[in-house]
C-alpha atoms as a PDB file:
ATOM      1  CA  UNK A   1       9.430  22.787 -13.927  1.00  0.00           C
ATOM      2  CA  UNK A   2      10.450  19.203 -13.209  1.00  0.00           C
ATOM      3  CA  UNK A   3      13.600  17.892 -14.895  1.00  0.00           C
ATOM      4  CA  UNK A   4      12.701  14.246 -14.341  1.00  0.00           C
ATOM      5  CA  UNK A   5      13.497  11.829 -17.186  1.00  0.00           C
ATOM      6  CA  UNK A   6      15.594  14.477 -18.949  1.00  0.00           C
ATOM      7  CA  UNK A   7      19.276  13.948 -19.728  1.00  0.00           C
ATOM      8  CA  UNK A   8      21.160  16.012 -17.162  1.00  0.00           C
ATOM      9  CA  UNK A   9      24.780  16.474 -16.185  1.00  0.00           C
ATOM     10  CA  UNK A  10      26.079  14.882 -12.991  1.00  0.00           C
ATOM     11  CA  UNK A  11      26.134  18.322 -11.326  1.00  0.00           C
ATOM     12  CA  UNK A  12      22.514  19.005 -12.328  1.00  0.00           C
ATOM     13  CA  UNK A  13      21.373  15.665 -10.901  1.00  0.00           C
ATOM     14  CA  UNK A  14      23.160  16.368  -7.622  1.00  0.00           C
ATOM     15  CA  UNK A  15      21.488  19.796  -7.528  1.00  0.00           C
ATOM     16  CA  UNK A  16      18.091  18.113  -7.934  1.00  0.00           C
ATOM     17  CA  UNK A  17      19.000  15.788  -5.052  1.00  0.00           C
ATOM     18  CA  UNK A  18      20.004  18.767  -2.883  1.00  0.00           C
ATOM     19  CA  UNK A  19      16.673  20.468  -3.597  1.00  0.00           C
ATOM     20  CA  UNK A  20      14.778  17.326  -2.581  1.00  0.00           C
ATOM     21  CA  UNK A  21      16.730  17.211   0.673  1.00  0.00           C
ATOM     22  CA  UNK A  22      16.183  20.898   1.381  1.00  0.00           C
ATOM     23  CA  UNK A  23      12.442  20.425   0.747  1.00  0.00           C
ATOM     24  CA  UNK A  24      12.487  17.595   3.343  1.00  0.00           C
ATOM     25  CA  UNK A  25      11.172  15.159   0.749  1.00  0.00           C
ATOM     26  CA  UNK A  26      10.534  11.469   1.413  1.00  0.00           C
ATOM     27  CA  UNK A  27      10.937   8.849  -1.304  1.00  0.00           C
ATOM     28  CA  UNK A  28      13.483   7.162  -3.555  1.00  0.00           C
ATOM     29  CA  UNK A  29      15.558   8.868  -6.232  1.00  0.00           C
ATOM     30  CA  UNK A  30      16.343   6.526  -9.126  1.00  0.00           C
ATOM     31  CA  UNK A  31      19.194   7.462 -11.479  1.00  0.00           C
ATOM     32  CA  UNK A  32      20.275   5.845 -14.747  1.00  0.00           C
ATOM     33  CA  UNK A  33      23.769   6.943 -15.789  1.00  0.00           C
ATOM     34  CA  UNK A  34      25.070   7.592 -19.293  1.00  0.00           C
ATOM     35  CA  UNK A  35      26.690   4.134 -19.097  1.00  0.00           C
ATOM     36  CA  UNK A  36      23.338   2.484 -18.410  1.00  0.00           C
ATOM     37  CA  UNK A  37      24.114   1.800 -14.738  1.00  0.00           C
ATOM     38  CA  UNK A  38      21.473   2.256 -12.045  1.00  0.00           C
ATOM     39  CA  UNK A  39      21.696   4.147  -8.776  1.00  0.00           C
ATOM     40  CA  UNK A  40      19.119   4.794  -6.067  1.00  0.00           C
ATOM     41  CA  UNK A  41      18.958   6.997  -2.992  1.00  0.00           C
ATOM     42  CA  UNK A  42      16.373   6.734  -0.215  1.00  0.00           C
ATOM     43  CA  UNK A  43      15.263   9.916   1.546  1.00  0.00           C
ATOM     44  CA  UNK A  44      13.167  10.398   4.674  1.00  0.00           C
ATOM     45  CA  UNK A  45      12.143  13.971   5.400  1.00  0.00           C
ATOM     46  CA  UNK A  46      15.199  15.208   3.529  1.00  0.00           C
ATOM     47  CA  UNK A  47      17.669  12.846   5.210  1.00  0.00           C
ATOM     48  CA  UNK A  48      19.614  10.424   3.007  1.00  0.00           C
ATOM     49  CA  UNK A  49      19.169   6.983   4.576  1.00  0.00           C
ATOM     50  CA  UNK A  50      20.573   4.796   1.822  1.00  0.00           C
ATOM     51  CA  UNK A  51      22.280   5.014  -1.542  1.00  0.00           C
ATOM     52  CA  UNK A  52      23.722   2.488  -3.950  1.00  0.00           C
ATOM     53  CA  UNK A  53      25.357   2.410  -7.369  1.00  0.00           C
ATOM     54  CA  UNK A  54      25.067  -0.917  -9.153  1.00  0.00           C
ATOM     55  CA  UNK A  55      25.983  -3.494  -6.463  1.00  0.00           C
ATOM     56  CA  UNK A  56      27.969  -1.101  -4.262  1.00  0.00           C
ATOM     57  CA  UNK A  57      26.255   0.520  -1.308  1.00  0.00           C
ATOM     58  CA  UNK A  58      26.978   3.540   0.873  1.00  0.00           C
ATOM     59  CA  UNK A  59      30.451   5.044   0.825  1.00  0.00           C
ATOM     60  CA  UNK A  60      31.704   2.074  -1.215  1.00  0.00           C
ATOM     61  CA  UNK A  61      29.596   3.410  -4.095  1.00  0.00           C
ATOM     62  CA  UNK A  62      31.172   6.879  -4.182  1.00  0.00           C
ATOM     63  CA  UNK A  63      34.056   6.037  -6.483  1.00  0.00           C
ATOM     64  CA  UNK A  64      31.787   4.588  -9.203  1.00  0.00           C
ATOM     65  CA  UNK A  65      29.138   7.259  -8.697  1.00  0.00           C
ATOM     66  CA  UNK A  66      31.667  10.007  -9.383  1.00  0.00           C
ATOM     67  CA  UNK A  67      32.431   8.495 -12.797  1.00  0.00           C
ATOM     68  CA  UNK A  68      28.946   9.452 -13.971  1.00  0.00           C
ATOM     69  CA  UNK A  69      28.961  12.181 -16.637  1.00  0.00           C
ATOM     70  CA  UNK A  70      25.270  12.467 -17.506  1.00  0.00           C
ATOM     71  CA  UNK A  71      22.110  10.598 -16.622  1.00  0.00           C
ATOM     72  CA  UNK A  72      18.369  10.682 -16.043  1.00  0.00           C
ATOM     73  CA  UNK A  73      16.512  10.568 -12.747  1.00  0.00           C
ATOM     74  CA  UNK A  74      13.062   9.803 -11.398  1.00  0.00           C
ATOM     75  CA  UNK A  75      11.853  10.507  -7.870  1.00  0.00           C
ATOM     76  CA  UNK A  76       9.216   8.140  -6.446  1.00  0.00           C
ATOM     77  CA  UNK A  77       7.615  10.323  -3.775  1.00  0.00           C
ATOM     78  CA  UNK A  78       6.787   8.564  -0.525  1.00  0.00           C
ATOM     79  CA  UNK A  79       8.265   5.250  -1.702  1.00  0.00           C
ATOM     80  CA  UNK A  80      11.260   3.930   0.217  1.00  0.00           C
ATOM     81  CA  UNK A  81      12.317   0.892   2.248  1.00  0.00           C
ATOM     82  CA  UNK A  82      12.333   1.898   5.940  1.00  0.00           C
ATOM     83  CA  UNK A  83      14.411  -1.166   6.838  1.00  0.00           C
ATOM     84  CA  UNK A  84      17.159  -0.421   4.346  1.00  0.00           C
ATOM     85  CA  UNK A  85      19.206   2.118   6.310  1.00  0.00           C
ATOM     86  CA  UNK A  86      22.986   2.520   6.198  1.00  0.00           C
ATOM     87  CA  UNK A  87      25.393   4.039   8.681  1.00  0.00           C
ATOM     88  CA  UNK A  88      26.187   7.183   6.691  1.00  0.00           C
ATOM     89  CA  UNK A  89      27.624  10.644   7.359  1.00  0.00           C
ATOM     90  CA  UNK A  90      24.980  13.327   7.908  1.00  0.00           C
ATOM     91  CA  UNK A  91      23.130  14.522   4.817  1.00  0.00           C
ATOM     92  CA  UNK A  92      24.817  17.948   4.714  1.00  0.00           C
ATOM     93  CA  UNK A  93      28.220  16.266   4.512  1.00  0.00           C
ATOM     94  CA  UNK A  94      27.011  13.763   1.924  1.00  0.00           C
ATOM     95  CA  UNK A  95      25.689  16.535  -0.316  1.00  0.00           C
ATOM     96  CA  UNK A  96      29.081  18.234  -0.025  1.00  0.00           C
ATOM     97  CA  UNK A  97      30.888  15.016  -1.007  1.00  0.00           C
ATOM     98  CA  UNK A  98      28.521  14.500  -3.958  1.00  0.00           C
ATOM     99  CA  UNK A  99      28.889  18.091  -5.167  1.00  0.00           C
ATOM    100  CA  UNK A 100      32.687  18.270  -4.951  1.00  0.00           C
ATOM    101  CA  UNK A 101      33.384  14.583  -5.676  1.00  0.00           C
ATOM    102  CA  UNK A 102      35.351  14.168  -2.473  1.00  0.00           C
ATOM    103  CA  UNK A 103      35.556  11.399   0.114  1.00  0.00           C
ATOM    104  CA  UNK A 104      35.275  11.468   3.912  1.00  0.00           C
ATOM    105  CA  UNK A 105      38.623  12.555   5.409  1.00  0.00           C
ATOM    106  CA  UNK A 106      40.304  12.098   2.036  1.00  0.00           C
ATOM    107  CA  UNK A 107      41.330  14.129  -0.994  1.00  0.00           C
ATOM    108  CA  UNK A 108      39.557  14.642  -4.284  1.00  0.00           C
ATOM    109  CA  UNK A 109      38.445  11.857  -6.600  1.00  0.00           C
ATOM    110  CA  UNK A 110      41.465  12.631  -8.814  1.00  0.00           C
ATOM    111  CA  UNK A 111      43.841  12.036  -5.907  1.00  0.00           C
ATOM    112  CA  UNK A 112      42.006   8.835  -4.978  1.00  0.00           C
ATOM    113  CA  UNK A 113      42.263   7.557  -8.561  1.00  0.00           C
ATOM    114  CA  UNK A 114      45.986   8.311  -8.628  1.00  0.00           C
ATOM    115  CA  UNK A 115      46.371   6.382  -5.388  1.00  0.00           C
ATOM    116  CA  UNK A 116      44.354   3.492  -6.815  1.00  0.00           C
ATOM    117  CA  UNK A 117      46.427   3.452 -10.014  1.00  0.00           C
ATOM    118  CA  UNK A 118      49.589   3.275  -7.925  1.00  0.00           C
ATOM    119  CA  UNK A 119      48.132   0.349  -5.983  1.00  0.00           C
ATOM    120  CA  UNK A 120      47.168  -1.416  -9.213  1.00  0.00           C
ATOM    121  CA  UNK A 121      50.688  -0.978 -10.618  1.00  0.00           C
ATOM    122  CA  UNK A 122      52.323  -2.429  -7.502  1.00  0.00           C
ATOM    123  CA  UNK A 123      49.757  -5.219  -7.430  1.00  0.00           C
ATOM    124  CA  UNK A 124      50.517  -6.041 -11.073  1.00  0.00           C
ATOM    125  CA  UNK A 125      54.250  -6.152 -10.347  1.00  0.00           C
ATOM    126  CA  UNK A 126      53.619  -8.498  -7.426  1.00  0.00           C
ATOM    127  CA  UNK A 127      51.591 -10.774  -9.691  1.00  0.00           C
ATOM    128  CA  UNK A 128      54.366 -10.846 -12.293  1.00  0.00           C
ATOM    129  CA  UNK A 129      56.905 -11.789  -9.607  1.00  0.00           C
ATOM    130  CA  UNK A 130      54.616 -14.468  -8.201  1.00  0.00           C
ATOM    131  CA  UNK A 131      53.857 -15.848 -11.659  1.00  0.00           C
ATOM    132  CA  UNK A 132      57.551 -15.994 -12.570  1.00  0.00           C
ATOM    133  CA  UNK A 133      58.290 -17.794  -9.313  1.00  0.00           C
ATOM    134  CA  UNK A 134      55.531 -20.316  -9.958  1.00  0.00           C
ATOM    135  CA  UNK A 135      56.766 -21.021 -13.487  1.00  0.00           C
ATOM    136  CA  UNK A 136      60.181 -22.030 -12.171  1.00  0.00           C
ATOM    137  CA  UNK A 137      58.635 -24.809 -10.081  1.00  0.00           C
ATOM    138  CA  UNK A 138      57.391 -28.067 -11.623  1.00  0.00           C
ATOM    139  CA  UNK A 139      53.671 -28.157 -12.288  1.00  0.00           C
ATOM    140  CA  UNK A 140      52.216 -31.510 -11.361  1.00  0.00           C
ATOM    141  CA  UNK A 141      48.610 -30.342 -11.128  1.00  0.00           C
ATOM    142  CA  UNK A 142      46.178 -31.947 -13.533  1.00  0.00           C
ATOM    143  CA  UNK A 143      44.587 -29.540 -16.055  1.00  0.00           C
ATOM    144  CA  UNK A 144      41.075 -28.396 -15.208  1.00  0.00           C
ATOM    145  CA  UNK A 145      38.266 -29.767 -17.307  1.00  0.00           C
ATOM    146  CA  UNK A 146      36.224 -27.254 -19.269  1.00  0.00           C
ATOM    147  CA  UNK A 147      32.699 -26.721 -17.979  1.00  0.00           C
ATOM    148  CA  UNK A 148      30.221 -28.020 -20.529  1.00  0.00           C
ATOM    149  CA  UNK A 149      27.198 -25.895 -21.422  1.00  0.00           C
ATOM    150  CA  UNK A 150      23.922 -27.226 -20.048  1.00  0.00           C
ATOM    151  CA  UNK A 151      21.657 -25.011 -22.150  1.00  0.00           C
ATOM    152  CA  UNK A 152      21.341 -24.350 -25.871  1.00  0.00           C
ATOM    153  CA  UNK A 153      21.470 -20.696 -27.072  1.00  0.00           C
ATOM    154  CA  UNK A 154      17.685 -20.590 -27.518  1.00  0.00           C
ATOM    155  CA  UNK A 155      17.218 -21.894 -23.962  1.00  0.00           C
ATOM    156  CA  UNK A 156      19.649 -19.286 -22.606  1.00  0.00           C
ATOM    157  CA  UNK A 157      17.646 -16.489 -24.238  1.00  0.00           C
ATOM    158  CA  UNK A 158      14.383 -17.852 -22.843  1.00  0.00           C
ATOM    159  CA  UNK A 159      15.825 -18.181 -19.329  1.00  0.00           C
ATOM    160  CA  UNK A 160      17.214 -14.634 -19.367  1.00  0.00           C
ATOM    161  CA  UNK A 161      13.820 -13.327 -20.522  1.00  0.00           C
ATOM    162  CA  UNK A 162      12.119 -15.238 -17.689  1.00  0.00           C
ATOM    163  CA  UNK A 163      14.609 -13.870 -15.153  1.00  0.00           C
ATOM    164  CA  UNK A 164      13.929 -10.325 -16.364  1.00  0.00           C
ATOM    165  CA  UNK A 165      10.168 -10.897 -16.147  1.00  0.00           C
ATOM    166  CA  UNK A 166      10.625 -12.006 -12.534  1.00  0.00           C
ATOM    167  CA  UNK A 167      12.964  -9.150 -11.642  1.00  0.00           C
ATOM    168  CA  UNK A 168      10.513  -6.566 -13.021  1.00  0.00           C
ATOM    169  CA  UNK A 169       8.230  -7.393 -10.086  1.00  0.00           C
ATOM    170  CA  UNK A 170      10.879  -6.045  -7.708  1.00  0.00           C
ATOM    171  CA  UNK A 171      12.772  -3.382  -9.677  1.00  0.00           C
ATOM    172  CA  UNK A 172      10.280  -2.231 -12.284  1.00  0.00           C
ATOM    173  CA  UNK A 173      11.970  -0.744 -15.392  1.00  0.00           C
ATOM    174  CA  UNK A 174      15.369  -0.996 -13.690  1.00  0.00           C
ATOM    175  CA  UNK A 175      15.289  -4.782 -14.126  1.00  0.00           C
ATOM    176  CA  UNK A 176      16.466  -4.440 -17.721  1.00  0.00           C
ATOM    177  CA  UNK A 177      19.290  -2.121 -16.656  1.00  0.00           C
ATOM    178  CA  UNK A 178      20.496  -4.508 -13.934  1.00  0.00           C
ATOM    179  CA  UNK A 179      20.568  -7.448 -16.334  1.00  0.00           C
ATOM    180  CA  UNK A 180      22.369  -5.320 -18.936  1.00  0.00           C
ATOM    181  CA  UNK A 181      24.969  -4.364 -16.304  1.00  0.00           C
ATOM    182  CA  UNK A 182      25.662  -7.993 -15.508  1.00  0.00           C
ATOM    183  CA  UNK A 183      25.888  -9.189 -19.107  1.00  0.00           C
ATOM    184  CA  UNK A 184      28.151  -6.239 -19.984  1.00  0.00           C
ATOM    185  CA  UNK A 185      30.708  -7.357 -17.399  1.00  0.00           C
ATOM    186  CA  UNK A 186      30.329 -11.140 -17.626  1.00  0.00           C
ATOM    187  CA  UNK A 187      29.966 -13.841 -20.258  1.00  0.00           C
ATOM    188  CA  UNK A 188      26.435 -14.903 -21.087  1.00  0.00           C
ATOM    189  CA  UNK A 189      25.596 -17.762 -18.696  1.00  0.00           C
ATOM    190  CA  UNK A 190      24.906 -21.195 -20.165  1.00  0.00           C
ATOM    191  CA  UNK A 191      25.216 -23.439 -17.087  1.00  0.00           C
ATOM    192  CA  UNK A 192      23.271 -23.589 -13.823  1.00  0.00           C
ATOM    193  CA  UNK A 193      26.362 -22.490 -11.910  1.00  0.00           C
ATOM    194  CA  UNK A 194      26.760 -19.382 -14.079  1.00  0.00           C
ATOM    195  CA  UNK A 195      23.058 -18.554 -13.825  1.00  0.00           C
ATOM    196  CA  UNK A 196      23.323 -18.840 -10.039  1.00  0.00           C
ATOM    197  CA  UNK A 197      26.147 -16.271 -10.118  1.00  0.00           C
ATOM    198  CA  UNK A 198      23.923 -14.004 -12.186  1.00  0.00           C
ATOM    199  CA  UNK A 199      21.106 -14.581  -9.686  1.00  0.00           C
ATOM    200  CA  UNK A 200      23.350 -13.578  -6.762  1.00  0.00           C
ATOM    201  CA  UNK A 201      24.317 -10.360  -8.560  1.00  0.00           C
ATOM    202  CA  UNK A 202      20.715  -9.419  -9.342  1.00  0.00           C
ATOM    203  CA  UNK A 203      19.528 -10.268  -5.836  1.00  0.00           C
ATOM    204  CA  UNK A 204      21.759  -7.499  -4.454  1.00  0.00           C
ATOM    205  CA  UNK A 205      19.692  -4.989  -6.426  1.00  0.00           C
ATOM    206  CA  UNK A 206      16.586  -5.883  -4.374  1.00  0.00           C
ATOM    207  CA  UNK A 207      16.307  -4.067  -1.046  1.00  0.00           C
ATOM    208  CA  UNK A 208      13.783  -6.171   0.858  1.00  0.00           C
ATOM    209  CA  UNK A 209      15.165  -9.424   2.294  1.00  0.00           C
ATOM    210  CA  UNK A 210      11.914 -11.347   1.903  1.00  0.00           C
ATOM    211  CA  UNK A 211      11.730 -10.243  -1.719  1.00  0.00           C
ATOM    212  CA  UNK A 212      15.338 -11.382  -2.180  1.00  0.00           C
ATOM    213  CA  UNK A 213      14.451 -14.855  -0.940  1.00  0.00           C
ATOM    214  CA  UNK A 214      11.328 -15.033  -3.099  1.00  0.00           C
ATOM    215  CA  UNK A 215      13.276 -13.891  -6.174  1.00  0.00           C
ATOM    216  CA  UNK A 216      15.990 -16.496  -5.589  1.00  0.00           C
ATOM    217  CA  UNK A 217      13.417 -19.268  -5.294  1.00  0.00           C
ATOM    218  CA  UNK A 218      11.788 -18.137  -8.533  1.00  0.00           C
ATOM    219  CA  UNK A 219      15.116 -18.142 -10.406  1.00  0.00           C
ATOM    220  CA  UNK A 220      16.140 -21.556  -9.038  1.00  0.00           C
ATOM    221  CA  UNK A 221      12.828 -22.917 -10.325  1.00  0.00           C
ATOM    222  CA  UNK A 222      13.413 -21.318 -13.736  1.00  0.00           C
ATOM    223  CA  UNK A 223      16.932 -22.687 -14.243  1.00  0.00           C
ATOM    224  CA  UNK A 224      15.989 -26.132 -12.922  1.00  0.00           C
ATOM    225  CA  UNK A 225      13.218 -26.744 -15.446  1.00  0.00           C
END
């Protein structure tokens, strides 16, 4: 019995992925995590060609992927982008990494997090030292002017709705998730510059390069009206 669109644990989702690989399936596995983030994995005859989590792709996505606790998945059989292929370890190794939350030639995710935390601490100390040093020197720089909003709140809502309507043509139901991801981590855009940043983020969610260009042109038209 298929477990698609059911809330599953991370381990259960990875088991479903392993079964698809063992069955030499071809298609794209879409995952929505408990945090509302989207992930996708492309398979060709059981081989993992591509995977991404939010805007991170390939091995760069492992760290965020391993933070998933539960989620839902959908497998689109036979649907994948043959031009979107990453230089990845073989599928057997990848399934091992996914199952045990490990990294190529590295320790467990816990050890990697501890290493990252240590790096963050040292980085923070460096910033404090640099900031203190800068404060001791005279500051002759002129204060930056605040960027004025170009759109009213009602216009912002309309533009975001139009962007989502455009993105649906490329991501389907995952368009809403991608926009939610961006707005959760950034302030709501109200200038053309900020909408362009949002556009760049969303463009990374689209696999096909021609579709990326078309989407960008559509958004530039929307925010320029």
